[in-house]
């Protein structure tokens, strides 16, 4: 699959046919407003379509600037080679579906994880790949008329990859500076009638390579 960096396609949740509030309950209307607000606060991920050449996909967005902004929001980098390579690597872990749908799924997945730089872009690419392989092995485990050993082999691989995925989530959180180590220093100890009170000093230390204040 080749990705060429060149109409923006997005689910229109404001369409009258889909969002006639007279047909919605209060809870449904609130949910709609919540998702509309989220949609309006961030640039959408890039969408792709089949190109003129075989196995070629091209962005639907015709504006180079808008496409660049979508790309940066999706991969955390302004480098087109970095983006196209990461997109290609992630879609390579999907074994079913046409290239257009695979690219759109991967881009939406990456975009949702909000990478802020190349390190996070590489990590979310690996996370997408791990997820795709997990689902692939789980699907293989459901294939009928296979041996018990075959089912076990596929489920075990899926389980191992689930652990990898959890470690990737942890690594991303740590890099972003969300992990806080708590250190307790006991300065004074007072024992009262109930034999309980302890007064200590708590310090929070930020860990990870990320910048806590970056958004």
Protein backbone atom coordinates (compact mmCIF):
# COMPACT_ATOMS: atom_id res chain seq x y z
CA UNK A 1 0.00 0.00 0.00
CA UNK A 2 1.31 3.44 -0.88
CA UNK A 3 0.12 6.56 0.88
CA UNK A 4 0.22 9.80 -1.04
CA UNK A 5 0.16 13.06 0.90
CA UNK A 6 -2.51 15.43 -1.39
CA UNK A 7 -12.28 16.45 0.44
CA UNK A 8 -12.61 16.07 4.07
CA UNK A 9 -15.00 13.31 5.04
CA UNK A 10 -16.55 13.33 8.46
CA UNK A 11 -19.70 11.97 10.03
CA UNK A 12 -22.13 14.86 10.06
CA UNK A 13 -23.81 14.50 13.42
CA UNK A 14 -25.67 17.76 12.87
CA UNK A 15 -27.66 16.30 9.98
CA UNK A 16 -31.41 16.92 10.54
CA UNK A 17 -32.20 13.30 9.66
CA UNK A 18 -29.89 12.02 12.40
CA UNK A 19 -30.22 14.68 15.06
CA UNK A 20 -33.84 15.72 15.18
CA UNK A 21 -34.01 16.53 18.88
CA UNK A 22 -37.76 15.99 18.94
CA UNK A 23 -37.00 12.29 18.48
CA UNK A 24 -34.37 12.23 21.21
CA UNK A 25 -34.77 11.81 24.95
CA UNK A 26 -33.12 14.27 27.32
CA UNK A 27 -30.28 11.84 27.96
CA UNK A 28 -29.75 11.29 24.24
CA UNK A 29 -29.76 15.04 23.58
CA UNK A 30 -27.14 15.58 26.28
CA UNK A 31 -24.99 12.83 24.79
CA UNK A 32 -25.31 14.40 21.35
CA UNK A 33 -24.29 17.82 22.70
CA UNK A 34 -21.29 16.27 24.46
CA UNK A 35 -19.99 14.62 21.28
CA UNK A 36 -20.66 17.70 19.17
CA UNK A 37 -18.64 19.77 21.65
CA UNK A 38 -15.78 17.29 21.55
CA UNK A 39 -15.87 17.28 17.76
CA UNK A 40 -15.73 21.07 17.61
CA UNK A 41 -12.74 21.31 19.96
CA UNK A 42 -10.32 19.35 17.80
CA UNK A 43 -9.31 19.00 14.16
CA UNK A 44 -10.62 15.76 12.70
CA UNK A 45 -8.29 12.95 11.55
CA UNK A 46 -7.41 12.68 7.86
CA UNK A 47 -9.64 10.57 5.63
CA UNK A 48 -8.38 8.57 2.68
CA UNK A 49 -9.75 7.23 -0.57
CA UNK A 50 -8.45 5.04 -3.36
CA UNK A 51 -6.03 6.70 -5.75
CA UNK A 52 -5.69 6.23 -9.49
CA UNK A 53 -2.86 3.74 -9.20
CA UNK A 54 -3.14 0.19 -7.93
CA UNK A 55 -2.86 -0.12 -4.14
CA UNK A 56 -2.63 3.66 -3.79
CA UNK A 57 -4.62 5.69 -1.30
CA UNK A 58 -4.72 9.48 -1.20
CA UNK A 59 -6.09 12.00 1.30
CA UNK A 60 -9.60 13.27 0.65
CA UNK A 61 -8.61 16.71 1.91
CA UNK A 62 -7.52 18.81 -1.07
CA UNK A 63 -6.05 21.66 0.97
CA UNK A 64 -2.38 20.99 1.69
CA UNK A 65 -2.47 23.11 4.83
CA UNK A 66 -5.56 21.44 6.24
CA UNK A 67 -4.13 18.01 5.48
CA UNK A 68 -0.89 18.96 7.24
CA UNK A 69 -2.85 20.02 10.34
CA UNK A 70 -4.82 16.77 10.32
CA UNK A 71 -1.59 14.82 9.97
CA UNK A 72 0.08 16.62 12.88
CA UNK A 73 -2.94 16.03 15.11
CA UNK A 74 -2.85 12.34 14.21
CA UNK A 75 0.85 11.46 14.50
CA UNK A 76 2.40 14.27 16.58
CA UNK A 77 4.81 15.33 13.85
CA UNK A 78 4.94 17.73 10.91
CA UNK A 79 7.09 15.33 8.86
CA UNK A 80 5.14 13.72 6.01
CA UNK A 81 7.56 10.79 5.68
CA UNK A 82 7.18 10.00 9.38
CA UNK A 83 3.40 10.11 9.05
CA UNK A 84 3.15 7.97 5.91
CA UNK A 85 5.58 5.36 7.28
CA UNK A 86 3.80 5.05 10.61
CA UNK A 87 0.43 4.84 8.88
CA UNK A 88 1.72 2.15 6.53
CA UNK A 89 3.27 0.15 9.38
CA UNK A 90 0.07 0.23 11.42
CA UNK A 91 -2.18 -0.70 8.50
CA UNK A 92 0.20 -3.59 7.77
CA UNK A 93 -1.03 -5.28 10.96
CA UNK A 94 -4.57 -5.45 9.57
CA UNK A 95 -5.11 -8.51 7.44
CA UNK A 96 -8.67 -7.94 6.26
CA UNK A 97 -10.45 -5.05 4.56
CA UNK A 98 -9.42 -2.79 1.73
CA UNK A 99 -6.57 -0.30 2.06
CA UNK A 100 -8.91 2.69 2.20
CA UNK A 101 -10.86 1.40 5.21
CA UNK A 102 -7.73 0.22 6.97
CA UNK A 103 -6.02 3.59 6.60
CA UNK A 104 -9.10 5.45 7.84
CA UNK A 105 -9.42 3.14 10.86
CA UNK A 106 -5.75 3.46 11.79
CA UNK A 107 -5.75 7.25 11.39
CA UNK A 108 -8.84 7.57 13.59
CA UNK A 109 -7.30 5.28 16.22
CA UNK A 110 -4.03 7.23 16.32
CA UNK A 111 -5.88 10.55 16.36
CA UNK A 112 -7.95 9.43 19.33
CA UNK A 113 -4.79 8.71 21.36
CA UNK A 114 -3.62 12.32 20.80
CA UNK A 115 0.14 11.92 20.25
CA UNK A 116 2.04 15.17 20.91
CA UNK A 117 5.46 14.37 19.46
CA UNK A 118 7.34 11.72 17.47
CA UNK A 119 7.97 9.53 20.52
CA UNK A 120 4.27 9.38 21.30
CA UNK A 121 3.53 8.96 17.60
CA UNK A 122 5.76 5.87 17.46
CA UNK A 123 4.23 4.50 20.65
CA UNK A 124 0.61 4.92 19.55
CA UNK A 125 1.53 3.24 16.24
CA UNK A 126 2.76 0.24 18.22
CA UNK A 127 -0.41 0.32 20.31
CA UNK A 128 -2.57 0.22 17.20
CA UNK A 129 -0.51 -2.70 15.89
CA UNK A 130 -0.82 -4.60 19.17
CA UNK A 131 -4.59 -4.07 19.22
CA UNK A 132 -4.94 -5.29 15.64
CA UNK A 133 -2.94 -8.45 16.36
CA UNK A 134 -4.94 -9.13 19.54
CA UNK A 135 -8.18 -9.04 17.59
CA UNK A 136 -6.66 -11.14 14.81
CA UNK A 137 -5.61 -13.92 17.18
CA UNK A 138 -8.93 -13.78 19.02
CA UNK A 139 -10.68 -14.14 15.67
CA UNK A 140 -8.50 -17.11 14.77
CA UNK A 141 -9.39 -18.76 18.08
CA UNK A 142 -13.04 -18.69 16.97
CA UNK A 143 -12.45 -20.50 13.68
CA UNK A 144 -14.58 -23.67 13.76
CA UNK A 145 -13.26 -27.22 13.53
CA UNK A 146 -9.77 -26.46 14.81
CA UNK A 147 -7.92 -28.40 17.48
CA UNK A 148 -7.92 -27.49 21.14
CA UNK A 149 -4.20 -26.80 20.80
CA UNK A 150 -4.96 -24.37 17.98
CA UNK A 151 -7.49 -22.50 20.12
CA UNK A 152 -5.07 -22.41 23.05
CA UNK A 153 -2.20 -21.15 20.89
CA UNK A 154 -4.25 -18.27 19.52
CA UNK A 155 -5.79 -17.25 22.83
CA UNK A 156 -2.38 -17.39 24.54
CA UNK A 157 -0.89 -15.12 21.89
CA UNK A 158 -3.79 -12.73 22.28
CA UNK A 159 -3.35 -12.76 26.07
CA UNK A 160 0.38 -11.99 25.80
CA UNK A 161 -0.34 -9.12 23.44
CA UNK A 162 -2.97 -7.76 25.84
CA UNK A 163 -0.24 -7.54 28.46
CA UNK A 164 1.98 -5.77 25.93
CA UNK A 165 -0.83 -3.32 25.21
CA UNK A 166 -1.28 -2.56 28.92
CA UNK A 167 2.46 -1.91 29.24
CA UNK A 168 2.25 0.42 26.24
CA UNK A 169 -0.57 2.35 27.92
CA UNK A 170 1.55 2.58 31.07
CA UNK A 171 4.59 3.73 29.08
CA UNK A 172 2.54 6.43 27.34
CA UNK A 173 1.14 7.67 30.64
CA UNK A 174 4.59 7.72 32.22
CA UNK A 175 6.10 9.57 29.27
CA UNK A 176 3.34 12.14 29.50
CA UNK A 177 4.18 12.66 33.16
CA UNK A 178 0.97 11.31 34.60
CA UNK A 179 2.61 8.89 37.01
CA UNK A 180 3.22 10.40 40.43
CA UNK A 181 5.33 8.73 43.09
CA UNK A 182 4.26 9.49 46.63
CA UNK A 183 6.94 9.90 49.30
CA UNK A 184 5.80 10.20 52.92
CA UNK A 185 8.12 11.81 55.47
CA UNK A 186 6.96 11.45 59.05
CA UNK A 187 7.85 14.63 60.93
CA UNK A 188 5.91 14.29 64.17
CA UNK A 189 4.09 11.43 65.79
CA UNK A 190 1.52 12.15 68.44
CA UNK A 191 -0.35 9.35 70.15
CA UNK A 192 -3.60 10.46 71.75
CA UNK A 193 -6.20 8.71 73.81
CA UNK A 194 -7.46 6.64 70.90
CA UNK A 195 -3.88 5.77 69.99
CA UNK A 196 -4.22 6.94 66.37
CA UNK A 197 -2.96 10.33 65.15
CA UNK A 198 0.14 10.46 62.90
CA UNK A 199 1.18 13.72 61.28
CA UNK A 200 3.33 13.36 58.15
CA UNK A 201 4.50 15.36 55.17
CA UNK A 202 3.56 14.07 51.68
CA UNK A 203 5.57 14.96 48.60
CA UNK A 204 4.53 14.19 45.05
CA UNK A 205 7.29 13.65 42.51
CA UNK A 206 6.48 13.66 38.80
CA UNK A 207 8.05 10.85 36.79
CA UNK A 208 8.33 10.21 33.08
CA UNK A 209 9.88 12.09 30.22
CA UNK A 210 6.80 14.07 29.25
CA UNK A 211 5.99 17.65 30.01
CA UNK A 212 3.07 17.70 32.43
CA UNK A 213 1.79 21.02 31.16
CA UNK A 214 1.90 20.19 27.48
CA UNK A 215 -1.42 19.65 25.77
